[in-house]
N, C-alpha and C. Protein backbone atom coordinates (compact mmCIF):
# COMPACT_ATOMS: atom_id res chain seq x y z
N MET A 1 -6.68 -37.92 -3.28
CA MET A 1 -7.91 -37.31 -4.23
C MET A 1 -7.90 -36.12 -3.48
N GLY A 2 -7.83 -34.98 -4.29
CA GLY A 2 -7.82 -33.62 -3.46
C GLY A 2 -9.26 -33.22 -2.80
N LYS A 3 -9.34 -32.36 -2.51
CA LYS A 3 -10.94 -31.63 -1.36
C LYS A 3 -11.23 -30.65 -3.10
N SER A 4 -12.50 -30.87 -2.86
CA SER A 4 -12.82 -29.93 -4.12
C SER A 4 -12.72 -28.80 -3.29
N SER A 5 -12.92 -27.51 -4.19
CA SER A 5 -13.02 -25.78 -3.86
C SER A 5 -13.48 -25.20 -4.79
N LEU A 6 -13.62 -23.90 -4.54
CA LEU A 6 -14.31 -22.89 -6.02
C LEU A 6 -13.59 -21.92 -5.74
N GLY A 7 -13.19 -21.39 -7.34
CA GLY A 7 -12.12 -19.89 -7.15
C GLY A 7 -13.36 -18.76 -7.70
N MET A 8 -12.82 -18.09 -7.01
CA MET A 8 -13.18 -16.71 -7.45
C MET A 8 -12.45 -15.47 -7.31
N GLN A 9 -12.53 -14.59 -8.83
CA GLN A 9 -11.48 -13.80 -8.98
C GLN A 9 -11.65 -12.80 -8.19
N VAL A 10 -11.03 -12.00 -7.49
CA VAL A 10 -11.23 -10.86 -6.63
C VAL A 10 -10.34 -9.32 -7.45
N ILE A 11 -11.04 -8.55 -7.65
CA ILE A 11 -10.39 -7.32 -7.83
C ILE A 11 -10.12 -6.37 -6.87
N PHE A 12 -9.24 -5.75 -6.89
CA PHE A 12 -9.14 -5.44 -5.52
C PHE A 12 -8.24 -3.58 -5.52
N TYR A 13 -8.23 -3.57 -6.82
CA TYR A 13 -7.84 -1.93 -7.19
C TYR A 13 -8.58 -0.84 -6.76
N LYS A 14 -10.07 -0.86 -6.06
CA LYS A 14 -10.77 0.45 -5.13
C LYS A 14 -10.66 -0.75 -3.74
N SER A 15 -10.28 -1.29 -3.43
CA SER A 15 -10.10 -1.37 -1.99
C SER A 15 -8.85 -0.57 -1.13
N PRO A 16 -9.62 -0.13 -0.34
CA PRO A 16 -8.49 1.00 0.13
C PRO A 16 -7.60 0.14 1.48
N GLU A 17 -8.02 -0.75 1.65
CA GLU A 17 -7.03 -1.80 2.50
C GLU A 17 -5.56 -2.77 1.28
N TYR A 18 -5.95 -2.34 0.54
CA TYR A 18 -5.51 -3.83 -0.61
C TYR A 18 -5.13 -3.42 -1.86
N ARG A 19 -5.63 -2.20 -2.33
CA ARG A 19 -5.07 -1.86 -3.56
C ARG A 19 -3.80 -1.41 -3.98
N LEU A 20 -3.08 -1.40 -2.99
CA LEU A 20 -1.80 -1.12 -3.35
C LEU A 20 -0.66 -2.73 -3.34
N ALA A 21 -1.39 -3.55 -2.77
CA ALA A 21 -0.68 -4.99 -2.99
C ALA A 21 -1.08 -5.88 -3.84
N PHE A 22 -2.52 -5.56 -4.33
CA PHE A 22 -3.08 -6.92 -5.09
C PHE A 22 -3.68 -6.09 -6.51
N GLY A 23 -3.89 -6.59 -7.44
CA GLY A 23 -4.46 -5.90 -8.34
C GLY A 23 -5.99 -7.01 -8.82
N ASN A 24 -5.62 -7.91 -9.58
CA ASN A 24 -6.64 -9.13 -9.34
C ASN A 24 -6.00 -10.50 -8.89
N ALA A 25 -6.59 -11.06 -8.28
CA ALA A 25 -6.06 -12.26 -7.38
C ALA A 25 -7.69 -13.33 -7.17
N PHE A 26 -7.06 -14.29 -7.19
CA PHE A 26 -7.95 -15.78 -6.53
C PHE A 26 -8.25 -15.95 -5.56
N ILE A 27 -9.18 -15.93 -5.16
CA ILE A 27 -9.44 -16.63 -3.39
C ILE A 27 -9.92 -17.98 -3.75
N PHE A 28 -10.13 -19.27 -2.94
CA PHE A 28 -10.44 -20.20 -3.29
C PHE A 28 -11.25 -20.75 -2.34
N PHE A 29 -12.69 -21.06 -1.98
CA PHE A 29 -13.46 -21.35 -1.16
C PHE A 29 -13.87 -22.75 -0.54
N ASP A 30 -13.66 -23.78 0.48
CA ASP A 30 -14.22 -24.88 0.41
C ASP A 30 -15.57 -25.02 0.14
N MET A 31 -16.55 -26.37 0.04
CA MET A 31 -17.96 -26.38 -0.27
C MET A 31 -18.58 -25.91 1.04
N ALA A 32 -17.87 -25.66 2.25
CA ALA A 32 -18.60 -24.70 3.17
C ALA A 32 -18.54 -23.38 2.87
N GLY A 33 -18.18 -22.88 2.27
CA GLY A 33 -17.95 -21.19 1.78
C GLY A 33 -16.50 -20.83 2.46
N GLN A 34 -16.09 -21.57 3.45
CA GLN A 34 -14.84 -21.05 3.73
C GLN A 34 -13.30 -21.10 3.03
N PRO A 35 -13.10 -19.68 3.45
CA PRO A 35 -11.61 -19.35 2.24
C PRO A 35 -10.73 -20.14 2.99
N VAL A 36 -10.01 -21.15 2.19
CA VAL A 36 -9.18 -21.47 1.90
C VAL A 36 -7.96 -22.10 0.94
N GLY A 37 -7.62 -20.29 0.13
CA GLY A 37 -6.34 -20.25 -0.44
C GLY A 37 -6.77 -19.40 -1.00
N PHE A 38 -5.50 -18.87 -1.75
CA PHE A 38 -5.31 -17.21 -1.97
C PHE A 38 -4.19 -17.66 -3.14
N TYR A 39 -4.48 -17.22 -4.60
CA TYR A 39 -3.87 -17.09 -5.35
C TYR A 39 -3.34 -15.45 -6.16
N ASP A 40 -1.83 -15.44 -6.43
CA ASP A 40 -2.13 -14.06 -7.14
C ASP A 40 -0.67 -14.20 -7.57
N TYR A 41 -0.47 -13.61 -9.00
CA TYR A 41 0.61 -13.61 -9.96
C TYR A 41 1.35 -12.23 -9.96
N TYR A 42 2.06 -12.11 -8.89
CA TYR A 42 3.04 -10.59 -9.11
C TYR A 42 3.65 -10.39 -10.36
N ASN A 43 3.04 -9.84 -10.90
CA ASN A 43 3.69 -9.25 -12.49
C ASN A 43 3.69 -8.00 -12.88
N PHE A 44 3.36 -7.13 -12.07
CA PHE A 44 3.32 -5.27 -12.44
C PHE A 44 3.12 -5.39 -13.80
N ASP A 45 1.80 -6.05 -14.32
CA ASP A 45 1.44 -5.92 -15.52
C ASP A 45 0.56 -4.39 -15.79
N TRP A 46 1.36 -4.10 -16.69
CA TRP A 46 0.68 -2.63 -17.58
C TRP A 46 -0.48 -2.31 -17.68
N LYS A 47 -1.42 -1.32 -17.35
CA LYS A 47 -2.49 -1.57 -17.71
C LYS A 47 -2.71 -0.14 -18.56
N ASP A 48 -4.10 -0.77 -20.05
CA ASP A 48 -4.07 1.10 -20.70
C ASP A 48 -4.59 2.32 -19.49
N PHE A 49 -4.33 3.52 -19.91
CA PHE A 49 -4.74 4.46 -18.88
C PHE A 49 -6.17 4.33 -18.57
N GLY A 50 -6.44 4.70 -17.65
CA GLY A 50 -8.35 4.62 -16.96
C GLY A 50 -8.66 3.29 -16.79
N GLU A 51 -8.02 2.15 -16.58
CA GLU A 51 -8.26 0.69 -16.14
C GLU A 51 -8.12 0.74 -14.79
N ARG A 52 -7.11 1.49 -14.39
CA ARG A 52 -6.68 1.46 -12.75
C ARG A 52 -6.43 2.72 -12.61
N ASP A 53 -6.83 2.89 -11.10
CA ASP A 53 -6.80 4.71 -10.52
C ASP A 53 -5.05 4.96 -11.28
N LEU A 54 -5.20 6.39 -11.74
CA LEU A 54 -3.75 7.11 -12.24
C LEU A 54 -2.38 6.84 -11.44
N ASP A 55 -2.58 6.95 -10.30
CA ASP A 55 -1.49 6.59 -9.27
C ASP A 55 -1.35 5.37 -9.34
N LEU A 56 -2.36 4.72 -9.40
CA LEU A 56 -1.26 3.33 -9.02
C LEU A 56 -0.97 2.76 -10.23
N GLU A 57 -1.30 3.04 -11.43
CA GLU A 57 -0.53 3.06 -12.96
C GLU A 57 0.28 2.90 -12.78
N LEU A 58 0.86 4.20 -12.15
CA LEU A 58 1.78 4.76 -12.42
C LEU A 58 3.22 4.20 -11.77
N LYS A 59 2.46 3.42 -9.98
CA LYS A 59 3.03 2.89 -9.32
C LYS A 59 3.78 1.66 -9.82
N THR A 60 2.57 0.79 -10.37
CA THR A 60 3.15 0.05 -11.25
C THR A 60 3.97 -0.09 -12.24
N ARG A 61 3.70 0.66 -12.95
CA ARG A 61 5.12 0.97 -14.12
C ARG A 61 6.27 1.14 -13.62
N ALA A 62 6.51 2.01 -12.18
CA ALA A 62 7.53 2.28 -11.74
C ALA A 62 8.46 1.42 -11.46
N VAL A 63 7.40 0.68 -10.24
CA VAL A 63 7.69 -1.01 -9.85
C VAL A 63 8.24 -1.94 -10.79
N ASP A 64 7.46 -2.09 -11.68
CA ASP A 64 8.26 -3.01 -13.03
C ASP A 64 9.42 -2.68 -13.60
N ILE A 65 9.45 -1.06 -13.63
CA ILE A 65 10.52 -0.70 -14.44
C ILE A 65 11.63 -0.85 -13.62
N ALA A 66 11.65 -0.56 -12.46
CA ALA A 66 12.66 -0.89 -11.14
C ALA A 66 13.13 -2.31 -11.10
N GLY A 67 11.93 -3.12 -10.93
CA GLY A 67 12.29 -4.77 -10.86
C GLY A 67 13.15 -5.39 -12.22
N ASN A 68 13.10 -4.60 -13.45
CA ASN A 68 13.53 -4.94 -14.26
C ASN A 68 15.17 -4.72 -14.64
N VAL A 69 15.06 -3.41 -14.15
CA VAL A 69 16.54 -2.94 -14.15
C VAL A 69 17.50 -3.64 -13.40
N ASN A 70 17.00 -4.42 -11.78
CA ASN A 70 17.78 -4.92 -11.08
C ASN A 70 17.94 -6.51 -11.29
N GLY A 71 16.58 -6.74 -12.14
CA GLY A 71 17.00 -8.48 -12.24
C GLY A 71 15.56 -9.18 -11.48
N ALA A 72 14.75 -8.28 -11.25
CA ALA A 72 13.64 -9.55 -10.39
C ALA A 72 12.95 -9.92 -11.21
N LYS A 73 12.24 -11.40 -10.61
CA LYS A 73 11.93 -12.22 -11.41
C LYS A 73 10.01 -11.89 -11.18
N LYS A 74 8.89 -12.12 -11.73
CA LYS A 74 8.16 -11.94 -11.84
C LYS A 74 7.38 -13.94 -11.27
N LEU A 75 6.59 -13.95 -10.59
CA LEU A 75 6.24 -14.88 -9.61
C LEU A 75 5.17 -15.21 -9.24
N PRO A 76 4.13 -16.30 -9.31
CA PRO A 76 3.02 -16.65 -8.40
C PRO A 76 3.53 -16.68 -6.91
N HIS A 77 2.03 -16.32 -5.88
CA HIS A 77 2.31 -16.19 -4.85
C HIS A 77 1.30 -16.95 -4.39
N ARG A 78 1.18 -17.99 -3.60
CA ARG A 78 -0.18 -18.68 -3.43
C ARG A 78 0.21 -19.12 -1.29
N ILE A 79 -0.93 -18.73 -0.92
CA ILE A 79 -0.90 -19.49 0.31
C ILE A 79 -2.07 -20.55 0.11
N TRP A 80 -2.05 -21.21 0.82
CA TRP A 80 -2.77 -22.49 0.61
C TRP A 80 -2.95 -22.91 2.52
C-alpha cells in the first residue's frame, strides 16, 4: 500500500524564479508537511490575454507553435 500524501496546486506565473518554466503545477507533501513529489503537464496551453503576463503568453504560444511544427509531444513531467 502507498504512502499518504496531499497535493497542492501552485501557480508560478508571478514567480520571478519559475515563471518561465512552469505555469500551474502540483507539489505533493507527506503527512509531516515535507515535499515529496512534483507534477506538471508540459502542454504550452494558450490562455486568454490577461490571464498571464503578455510576454509569458507570447512565449508560450511561440513555443507551442514551434513544437507543433517540429513534432514535439505534450507530456507529463513528474519528480517523485
